[in-house]
C-alpha atoms as a PDB file:
ATOM      1  CA  MET A   1    -108.947   2.518  44.572  1.00  0.00           C
ATOM      2  CA  LEU A   2    -110.069   3.944  41.231  1.00  0.00           C
ATOM      3  CA  LEU A   3    -112.943   6.396  40.774  1.00  0.00           C
ATOM      4  CA  ALA A   4    -114.449   5.946  37.290  1.00  0.00           C
ATOM      5  CA  ILE A   5    -116.804   8.676  36.048  1.00  0.00           C
ATOM      6  CA  ASP A   6    -119.168   8.187  33.102  1.00  0.00           C
ATOM      7  CA  SER A   7    -120.839  11.528  32.341  1.00  0.00           C
ATOM      8  CA  GLY A   8    -123.631  11.013  29.819  1.00  0.00           C
ATOM      9  CA  ASN A   9    -126.370  13.244  28.470  1.00  0.00           C
ATOM     10  CA  THR A  10    -128.907  11.981  31.029  1.00  0.00           C
ATOM     11  CA  ASN A  11    -126.959  10.721  34.053  1.00  0.00           C
ATOM     12  CA  ILE A  12    -123.494  10.830  35.562  1.00  0.00           C
ATOM     13  CA  VAL A  13    -122.403   7.478  37.009  1.00  0.00           C
ATOM     14  CA  PHE A  14    -119.605   7.369  39.579  1.00  0.00           C
ATOM     15  CA  ALA A  15    -118.085   3.978  40.383  1.00  0.00           C
ATOM     16  CA  VAL A  16    -115.328   2.997  42.793  1.00  0.00           C
ATOM     17  CA  PHE A  17    -113.227   0.014  41.694  1.00  0.00           C
ATOM     18  CA  SER A  18    -111.017  -2.090  43.921  1.00  0.00           C
ATOM     19  CA  ASP A  19    -107.520  -2.849  42.650  1.00  0.00           C
ATOM     20  CA  ASP A  20    -108.677  -6.227  41.313  1.00  0.00           C
ATOM     21  CA  GLY A  21    -111.394  -4.652  39.171  1.00  0.00           C
ATOM     22  CA  LYS A  22    -114.468  -5.218  41.311  1.00  0.00           C
ATOM     23  CA  VAL A  23    -117.059  -2.458  41.635  1.00  0.00           C
ATOM     24  CA  VAL A  24    -117.203  -1.498  45.299  1.00  0.00           C
ATOM     25  CA  ARG A  25    -119.915   1.158  45.069  1.00  0.00           C
ATOM     26  CA  THR A  26    -121.752   3.281  42.518  1.00  0.00           C
ATOM     27  CA  TRP A  27    -123.673   6.547  42.579  1.00  0.00           C
ATOM     28  CA  ARG A  28    -125.941   8.091  39.945  1.00  0.00           C
ATOM     29  CA  LEU A  29    -126.674  11.796  39.496  1.00  0.00           C
ATOM     30  CA  ASP A  30    -128.827  13.685  36.996  1.00  0.00           C
ATOM     31  CA  THR A  31    -126.471  15.264  34.448  1.00  0.00           C
ATOM     32  CA  HIS A  32    -128.241  18.594  34.747  1.00  0.00           C
ATOM     33  CA  SER A  33    -128.119  18.756  38.544  1.00  0.00           C
ATOM     34  CA  ASN A  34    -126.680  22.061  39.691  1.00  0.00           C
ATOM     35  CA  VAL A  35    -124.430  20.731  42.456  1.00  0.00           C
ATOM     36  CA  ASP A  36    -120.817  20.947  43.509  1.00  0.00           C
ATOM     37  CA  PHE A  37    -119.581  17.474  42.545  1.00  0.00           C
ATOM     38  CA  GLY A  38    -116.987  17.347  45.300  1.00  0.00           C
ATOM     39  CA  LEU A  39    -119.369  18.266  48.105  1.00  0.00           C
ATOM     40  CA  TRP A  40    -122.063  15.982  46.689  1.00  0.00           C
ATOM     41  CA  MET A  41    -119.732  12.978  46.540  1.00  0.00           C
ATOM     42  CA  LEU A  42    -118.541  13.530  50.111  1.00  0.00           C
ATOM     43  CA  ASP A  43    -122.176  13.854  51.252  1.00  0.00           C
ATOM     44  CA  GLN A  44    -122.877  10.509  49.535  1.00  0.00           C
ATOM     45  CA  GLY A  45    -120.255   8.796  51.668  1.00  0.00           C
ATOM     46  CA  LEU A  46    -117.195   8.823  49.404  1.00  0.00           C
ATOM     47  CA  VAL A  47    -114.011   8.732  51.486  1.00  0.00           C
ATOM     48  CA  ALA A  48    -111.524  10.943  49.662  1.00  0.00           C
ATOM     49  CA  SER A  49    -108.477   9.204  51.105  1.00  0.00           C
ATOM     50  CA  ASP A  50    -109.626   5.869  49.629  1.00  0.00           C
ATOM     51  CA  ILE A  51    -109.237   7.149  46.049  1.00  0.00           C
ATOM     52  CA  THR A  52    -105.780   6.890  44.512  1.00  0.00           C
ATOM     53  CA  ALA A  53    -106.673   7.351  40.818  1.00  0.00           C
ATOM     54  CA  ALA A  54    -109.509   8.572  38.608  1.00  0.00           C
ATOM     55  CA  ILE A  55    -110.690   8.403  35.017  1.00  0.00           C
ATOM     56  CA  ILE A  56    -113.357  10.498  33.294  1.00  0.00           C
ATOM     57  CA  ALA A  57    -115.399   9.991  30.125  1.00  0.00           C
ATOM     58  CA  THR A  58    -117.911  12.707  29.326  1.00  0.00           C
ATOM     59  CA  VAL A  59    -120.051  13.631  26.338  1.00  0.00           C
ATOM     60  CA  VAL A  60    -121.148  16.848  28.091  1.00  0.00           C
ATOM     61  CA  PRO A  61    -118.340  19.402  27.632  1.00  0.00           C
ATOM     62  CA  ARG A  62    -119.549  21.738  30.389  1.00  0.00           C
ATOM     63  CA  ASN A  63    -119.143  18.949  32.957  1.00  0.00           C
ATOM     64  CA  LEU A  64    -115.499  18.265  32.195  1.00  0.00           C
ATOM     65  CA  GLU A  65    -113.854  21.036  34.210  1.00  0.00           C
ATOM     66  CA  PRO A  66    -116.048  20.542  37.316  1.00  0.00           C
ATOM     67  CA  LEU A  67    -115.323  16.793  37.216  1.00  0.00           C
ATOM     68  CA  ILE A  68    -111.588  17.416  36.886  1.00  0.00           C
ATOM     69  CA  GLU A  69    -111.874  19.795  39.852  1.00  0.00           C
ATOM     70  CA  LEU A  70    -113.620  17.041  41.843  1.00  0.00           C
ATOM     71  CA  CYS A  71    -110.663  14.753  41.198  1.00  0.00           C
ATOM     72  CA  GLU A  72    -107.837  17.249  41.679  1.00  0.00           C
ATOM     73  CA  VAL A  73    -109.195  19.414  44.517  1.00  0.00           C
ATOM     74  CA  THR A  74    -111.465  17.098  46.504  1.00  0.00           C
ATOM     75  CA  LEU A  75    -109.623  13.819  45.940  1.00  0.00           C
ATOM     76  CA  GLY A  76    -106.076  14.997  45.262  1.00  0.00           C
ATOM     77  CA  VAL A  77    -105.587  12.885  42.117  1.00  0.00           C
ATOM     78  CA  GLU A  78    -104.975  13.858  38.505  1.00  0.00           C
ATOM     79  CA  PRO A  79    -107.590  12.098  36.359  1.00  0.00           C
ATOM     80  CA  LEU A  80    -107.169  10.440  32.994  1.00  0.00           C
ATOM     81  CA  VAL A  81    -109.623  11.953  30.502  1.00  0.00           C
ATOM     82  CA  VAL A  82    -110.836   9.763  27.652  1.00  0.00           C
ATOM     83  CA  GLY A  83    -110.328  11.605  24.400  1.00  0.00           C
ATOM     84  CA  HIS A  84    -107.203  13.494  25.460  1.00  0.00           C
ATOM     85  CA  ASP A  85    -104.138  12.813  23.328  1.00  0.00           C
ATOM     86  CA  ASP A  86    -102.143  11.359  26.203  1.00  0.00           C
ATOM     87  CA  VAL A  87    -104.682   8.574  26.891  1.00  0.00           C
ATOM     88  CA  ASP A  88    -104.030   5.351  24.979  1.00  0.00           C
ATOM     89  CA  LEU A  89    -107.244   3.418  24.242  1.00  0.00           C
ATOM     90  CA  GLY A  90    -105.629   0.534  22.410  1.00  0.00           C
ATOM     91  CA  VAL A  91    -108.296   0.901  19.707  1.00  0.00           C
ATOM     92  CA  GLU A  92    -107.823   2.441  16.285  1.00  0.00           C
ATOM     93  CA  VAL A  93    -110.714   4.682  15.233  1.00  0.00           C
ATOM     94  CA  LEU A  94    -111.369   4.184  11.509  1.00  0.00           C
ATOM     95  CA  LEU A  95    -113.549   7.264  10.977  1.00  0.00           C
ATOM     96  CA  ASP A  96    -113.230  10.227   8.636  1.00  0.00           C
ATOM     97  CA  THR A  97    -112.894  12.501  11.704  1.00  0.00           C
ATOM     98  CA  PRO A  98    -111.953  10.384  14.728  1.00  0.00           C
ATOM     99  CA  SER A  99    -112.302  13.311  17.141  1.00  0.00           C
ATOM    100  CA  GLU A 100    -116.059  13.417  16.493  1.00  0.00           C
ATOM    101  CA  ILE A 101    -116.839  10.150  18.265  1.00  0.00           C
ATOM    102  CA  GLY A 102    -118.248  10.391  21.778  1.00  0.00           C
ATOM    103  CA  ALA A 103    -116.103   9.238  24.684  1.00  0.00           C
ATOM    104  CA  ASP A 104    -118.784   6.806  25.848  1.00  0.00           C
ATOM    105  CA  ARG A 105    -118.769   4.992  22.509  1.00  0.00           C
ATOM    106  CA  LEU A 106    -114.988   4.674  22.576  1.00  0.00           C
ATOM    107  CA  VAL A 107    -115.118   3.261  26.093  1.00  0.00           C
ATOM    108  CA  ASN A 108    -117.810   0.759  25.083  1.00  0.00           C
ATOM    109  CA  ALA A 109    -115.661  -0.299  22.129  1.00  0.00           C
ATOM    110  CA  VAL A 110    -112.689  -0.983  24.395  1.00  0.00           C
ATOM    111  CA  ALA A 111    -114.747  -3.104  26.787  1.00  0.00           C
ATOM    112  CA  ALA A 112    -116.657  -4.920  24.051  1.00  0.00           C
ATOM    113  CA  GLY A 113    -113.477  -5.816  22.183  1.00  0.00           C
ATOM    114  CA  GLU A 114    -111.850  -7.147  25.335  1.00  0.00           C
ATOM    115  CA  ARG A 115    -114.851  -9.232  26.398  1.00  0.00           C
ATOM    116  CA  TYR A 116    -116.255 -10.441  23.083  1.00  0.00           C
ATOM    117  CA  GLY A 117    -113.577 -10.018  20.417  1.00  0.00           C
ATOM    118  CA  GLY A 118    -113.908  -8.387  17.011  1.00  0.00           C
ATOM    119  CA  SER A 119    -116.605  -8.373  14.300  1.00  0.00           C
ATOM    120  CA  LEU A 120    -119.153  -6.994  16.721  1.00  0.00           C
ATOM    121  CA  ILE A 121    -122.175  -4.695  16.993  1.00  0.00           C
ATOM    122  CA  CYS A 122    -122.752  -2.947  20.333  1.00  0.00           C
ATOM    123  CA  VAL A 123    -126.289  -1.558  20.689  1.00  0.00           C
ATOM    124  CA  ASP A 124    -126.468   1.077  23.438  1.00  0.00           C
ATOM    125  CA  PHE A 125    -129.919   2.010  24.763  1.00  0.00           C
ATOM    126  CA  GLY A 126    -129.002   5.475  26.031  1.00  0.00           C
ATOM    127  CA  THR A 127    -130.104   9.062  25.451  1.00  0.00           C
ATOM    128  CA  ALA A 128    -129.455   8.130  21.829  1.00  0.00           C
ATOM    129  CA  THR A 129    -129.815   4.575  20.557  1.00  0.00           C
ATOM    130  CA  THR A 130    -126.427   3.844  19.048  1.00  0.00           C
ATOM    131  CA  PHE A 131    -124.895   0.986  17.078  1.00  0.00           C
ATOM    132  CA  ASP A 132    -121.114   0.764  17.314  1.00  0.00           C
ATOM    133  CA  ILE A 133    -119.153  -1.508  14.984  1.00  0.00           C
ATOM    134  CA  LEU A 134    -115.859  -3.264  15.731  1.00  0.00           C
ATOM    135  CA  ASP A 135    -113.968  -5.001  12.938  1.00  0.00           C
ATOM    136  CA  LYS A 136    -112.156  -8.333  13.299  1.00  0.00           C
ATOM    137  CA  ASN A 137    -109.101  -6.518  14.700  1.00  0.00           C
ATOM    138  CA  LYS A 138    -111.226  -4.831  17.414  1.00  0.00           C
ATOM    139  CA  ASN A 139    -110.882  -1.432  15.752  1.00  0.00           C
ATOM    140  CA  TYR A 140    -113.787   1.015  15.790  1.00  0.00           C
ATOM    141  CA  ALA A 141    -115.131   0.832  12.243  1.00  0.00           C
ATOM    142  CA  GLY A 142    -118.167   3.139  12.409  1.00  0.00           C
ATOM    143  CA  GLY A 143    -121.694   3.252  13.697  1.00  0.00           C
ATOM    144  CA  VAL A 144    -125.271   4.469  13.600  1.00  0.00           C
ATOM    145  CA  ILE A 145    -127.037   7.036  15.811  1.00  0.00           C
ATOM    146  CA  ALA A 146    -130.821   7.128  16.266  1.00  0.00           C
ATOM    147  CA  PRO A 147    -133.001   9.064  18.746  1.00  0.00           C
ATOM    148  CA  GLY A 148    -133.164   7.404  22.144  1.00  0.00           C
ATOM    149  CA  ILE A 149    -136.305   5.750  23.495  1.00  0.00           C
ATOM    150  CA  ASN A 150    -137.005   8.202  26.320  1.00  0.00           C
ATOM    151  CA  LEU A 151    -136.145  11.089  24.014  1.00  0.00           C
ATOM    152  CA  SER A 152    -138.782   9.897  21.548  1.00  0.00           C
ATOM    153  CA  LEU A 153    -141.373   9.546  24.303  1.00  0.00           C
ATOM    154  CA  GLU A 154    -140.658  13.078  25.541  1.00  0.00           C
ATOM    155  CA  ALA A 155    -140.912  14.433  21.995  1.00  0.00           C
ATOM    156  CA  LEU A 156    -144.335  12.823  21.535  1.00  0.00           C
ATOM    157  CA  HIS A 157    -145.568  14.314  24.794  1.00  0.00           C
ATOM    158  CA  ALA A 158    -144.058  17.755  24.162  1.00  0.00           C
ATOM    159  CA  HIS A 159    -145.200  18.235  20.579  1.00  0.00           C
ATOM    160  CA  ALA A 160    -148.569  16.476  20.435  1.00  0.00           C
ATOM    161  CA  ALA A 161    -151.107  18.268  22.625  1.00  0.00           C
ATOM    162  CA  LYS A 162    -153.253  15.246  23.485  1.00  0.00           C
ATOM    163  CA  LEU A 163    -150.525  12.666  24.006  1.00  0.00           C
ATOM    164  CA  PRO A 164    -149.595  12.026  27.658  1.00  0.00           C
ATOM    165  CA  ARG A 165    -146.186  11.217  29.079  1.00  0.00           C
ATOM    166  CA  VAL A 166    -145.820   7.418  29.333  1.00  0.00           C
ATOM    167  CA  GLU A 167    -143.156   5.025  30.575  1.00  0.00           C
ATOM    168  CA  PRO A 168    -141.533   2.544  28.175  1.00  0.00           C
ATOM    169  CA  LYS A 169    -143.204  -0.827  28.700  1.00  0.00           C
ATOM    170  CA  ARG A 170    -143.579  -4.067  26.751  1.00  0.00           C
ATOM    171  CA  PRO A 171    -147.264  -4.326  25.753  1.00  0.00           C
ATOM    172  CA  GLU A 172    -148.810  -7.742  25.289  1.00  0.00           C
ATOM    173  CA  ARG A 173    -150.329  -6.757  21.944  1.00  0.00           C
ATOM    174  CA  VAL A 174    -149.037  -4.711  19.040  1.00  0.00           C
ATOM    175  CA  ILE A 175    -152.442  -3.153  18.350  1.00  0.00           C
ATOM    176  CA  GLY A 176    -153.231  -0.672  21.106  1.00  0.00           C
ATOM    177  CA  THR A 177    -156.801  -0.205  22.353  1.00  0.00           C
ATOM    178  CA  SER A 178    -156.116   3.091  24.142  1.00  0.00           C
ATOM    179  CA  THR A 179    -153.889   6.099  23.567  1.00  0.00           C
ATOM    180  CA  ILE A 180    -151.396   4.917  26.195  1.00  0.00           C
ATOM    181  CA  SER A 181    -151.220   1.325  24.946  1.00  0.00           C
ATOM    182  CA  ALA A 182    -150.887   2.570  21.350  1.00  0.00           C
ATOM    183  CA  MET A 183    -147.991   4.841  22.363  1.00  0.00           C
ATOM    184  CA  GLN A 184    -146.295   2.070  24.328  1.00  0.00           C
ATOM    185  CA  SER A 185    -146.656  -0.285  21.381  1.00  0.00           C
ATOM    186  CA  GLY A 186    -145.271   2.285  18.960  1.00  0.00           C
ATOM    187  CA  ILE A 187    -142.232   2.893  21.139  1.00  0.00           C
ATOM    188  CA  TYR A 188    -141.582  -0.688  22.196  1.00  0.00           C
ATOM    189  CA  TRP A 189    -142.311  -2.641  19.032  1.00  0.00           C
ATOM    190  CA  GLY A 190    -141.186   0.278  16.878  1.00  0.00           C
ATOM    191  CA  TYR A 191    -137.746   0.245  18.476  1.00  0.00           C
ATOM    192  CA  VAL A 192    -137.595  -3.553  18.355  1.00  0.00           C
ATOM    193  CA  SER A 193    -138.207  -3.307  14.616  1.00  0.00           C
ATOM    194  CA  LEU A 194    -135.692  -0.481  14.236  1.00  0.00           C
ATOM    195  CA  ILE A 195    -132.959  -2.458  15.970  1.00  0.00           C
ATOM    196  CA  GLU A 196    -133.734  -5.704  14.132  1.00  0.00           C
ATOM    197  CA  GLY A 197    -133.710  -3.865  10.812  1.00  0.00           C
ATOM    198  CA  MET A 198    -130.500  -1.944  11.490  1.00  0.00           C
ATOM    199  CA  VAL A 199    -128.644  -5.032  12.715  1.00  0.00           C
ATOM    200  CA  LYS A 200    -129.701  -6.916   9.580  1.00  0.00           C
ATOM    201  CA  ARG A 201    -128.555  -4.092   7.295  1.00  0.00           C
ATOM    202  CA  ILE A 202    -125.252  -3.641   9.150  1.00  0.00           C
ATOM    203  CA  LYS A 203    -124.469  -7.346   8.859  1.00  0.00           C
ATOM    204  CA  ILE A 204    -125.231  -7.356   5.133  1.00  0.00           C
ATOM    205  CA  GLU A 205    -123.026  -4.317   4.567  1.00  0.00           C
ATOM    206  CA  PHE A 206    -120.261  -5.630   6.824  1.00  0.00           C
ATOM    207  CA  GLY A 207    -120.219  -8.894   4.927  1.00  0.00           C
ATOM    208  CA  SER A 208    -119.309 -11.363   7.674  1.00  0.00           C
ATOM    209  CA  PRO A 209    -120.829 -12.859  10.859  1.00  0.00           C
ATOM    210  CA  MET A 210    -121.029 -10.443  13.790  1.00  0.00           C
ATOM    211  CA  THR A 211    -121.681 -10.815  17.507  1.00  0.00           C
ATOM    212  CA  VAL A 212    -124.425  -8.483  18.783  1.00  0.00           C
ATOM    213  CA  ILE A 213    -124.449  -7.222  22.361  1.00  0.00           C
ATOM    214  CA  ALA A 214    -126.621  -4.673  24.141  1.00  0.00           C
ATOM    215  CA  THR A 215    -125.922  -2.220  26.927  1.00  0.00           C
ATOM    216  CA  GLY A 216    -127.590   0.804  28.517  1.00  0.00           C
ATOM    217  CA  GLY A 217    -130.351   1.218  31.055  1.00  0.00           C
ATOM    218  CA  LEU A 218    -133.230  -0.010  28.899  1.00  0.00           C
ATOM    219  CA  SER A 219    -131.406  -2.972  27.373  1.00  0.00           C
ATOM    220  CA  PRO A 220    -132.970  -5.517  29.799  1.00  0.00           C
ATOM    221  CA  LEU A 221    -136.460  -4.344  28.780  1.00  0.00           C
ATOM    222  CA  PHE A 222    -135.961  -4.450  25.009  1.00  0.00           C
ATOM    223  CA  SER A 223    -133.350  -7.122  24.397  1.00  0.00           C
ATOM    224  CA  PRO A 224    -135.530 -10.173  25.250  1.00  0.00           C
ATOM    225  CA  ALA A 225    -137.771  -9.297  22.290  1.00  0.00           C
ATOM    226  CA  ILE A 226    -134.863  -8.976  19.841  1.00  0.00           C
ATOM    227  CA  ASP A 227    -133.529 -12.326  18.644  1.00  0.00           C
ATOM    228  CA  ALA A 228    -130.482 -10.682  17.070  1.00  0.00           C
ATOM    229  CA  ILE A 229    -129.127  -9.578  20.467  1.00  0.00           C
ATOM    230  CA  GLU A 230    -127.036 -12.353  21.978  1.00  0.00           C
ATOM    231  CA  THR A 231    -125.867 -10.788  25.255  1.00  0.00           C
ATOM    232  CA  ILE A 232    -126.882  -7.989  27.624  1.00  0.00           C
ATOM    233  CA  ASP A 233    -123.932  -6.274  29.320  1.00  0.00           C
ATOM    234  CA  THR A 234    -125.168  -3.361  31.439  1.00  0.00           C
ATOM    235  CA  ASP A 235    -121.803  -2.495  33.028  1.00  0.00           C
ATOM    236  CA  LEU A 236    -119.910  -2.287  29.733  1.00  0.00           C
ATOM    237  CA  THR A 237    -119.003   1.415  29.994  1.00  0.00           C
ATOM    238  CA  LEU A 238    -117.693   1.173  33.540  1.00  0.00           C
ATOM    239  CA  ARG A 239    -115.692  -1.923  32.622  1.00  0.00           C
ATOM    240  CA  GLY A 240    -114.190  -0.035  29.673  1.00  0.00           C
ATOM    241  CA  LEU A 241    -113.105   2.807  31.938  1.00  0.00           C
ATOM    242  CA  PHE A 242    -111.335   0.364  34.245  1.00  0.00           C
ATOM    243  CA  LEU A 243    -109.577  -1.305  31.302  1.00  0.00           C
ATOM    244  CA  ILE A 244    -108.410   2.031  29.880  1.00  0.00           C
ATOM    245  CA  TYR A 245    -107.064   3.043  33.289  1.00  0.00           C
ATOM    246  CA  GLN A 246    -105.172  -0.249  33.588  1.00  0.00           C
ATOM    247  CA  ARG A 247    -103.688   0.146  30.128  1.00  0.00           C
ATOM    248  CA  ASN A 248    -102.437   3.665  30.815  1.00  0.00           C
ATOM    249  CA  ARG A 249    -101.212   2.929  34.324  1.00  0.00           C
ATOM    250  CA  SER A 250     -98.721   0.445  32.895  1.00  0.00           C
ATOM    251  CA  THR A 251     -97.353   2.780  30.198  1.00  0.00           C
END
């Protein structure tokens, strides 16, 4: 079985795939947890002998070596690492400096292209809110990065003395009648407007029809209010890791 590891700025997701591509089990760990990954995974019930391969995508450089150690020492497998020169993604990156793009965005592009085809916008509700663009040939053509929803909420709480910490929530009304409802409206409807506006501008600049999909933990909360989003695909990153592993296993 394959262990796929998606190490983001907020969480690390570990997923075990069966040989036919089904997710058998997942675990989630705070990115900033000070734990030994190998011991933690064994404590969570991972059976080391079940794992025959591994793949890692991380946007947190300090996590890379400990995650490789988890694979090599605890599990006895040499992992593929997204972004390394020897890993074939099957996607051409049409950026001025291709090495700058985060591994998670590359993985999303692979999965989105395979599932939905080209001429596509992938909106990822993560630590950052990102818009990734695939052209008609499924190549990565560029993107947009905005502050993430929870990041914006934390910034409001941290830098405005009288503003409390609130959870993202869809308010019934745009006009808030309390500090909390006003903050929730600003975050929720503000981000709805941001995404609607960015999608509209991207489509105009791109110059042809585009499919719009959403992924990330908060996509089910926000996407129903955004007519431009056609599909929610919360397991896109994990699916991309499995596809990249399959592609490189056969080469």
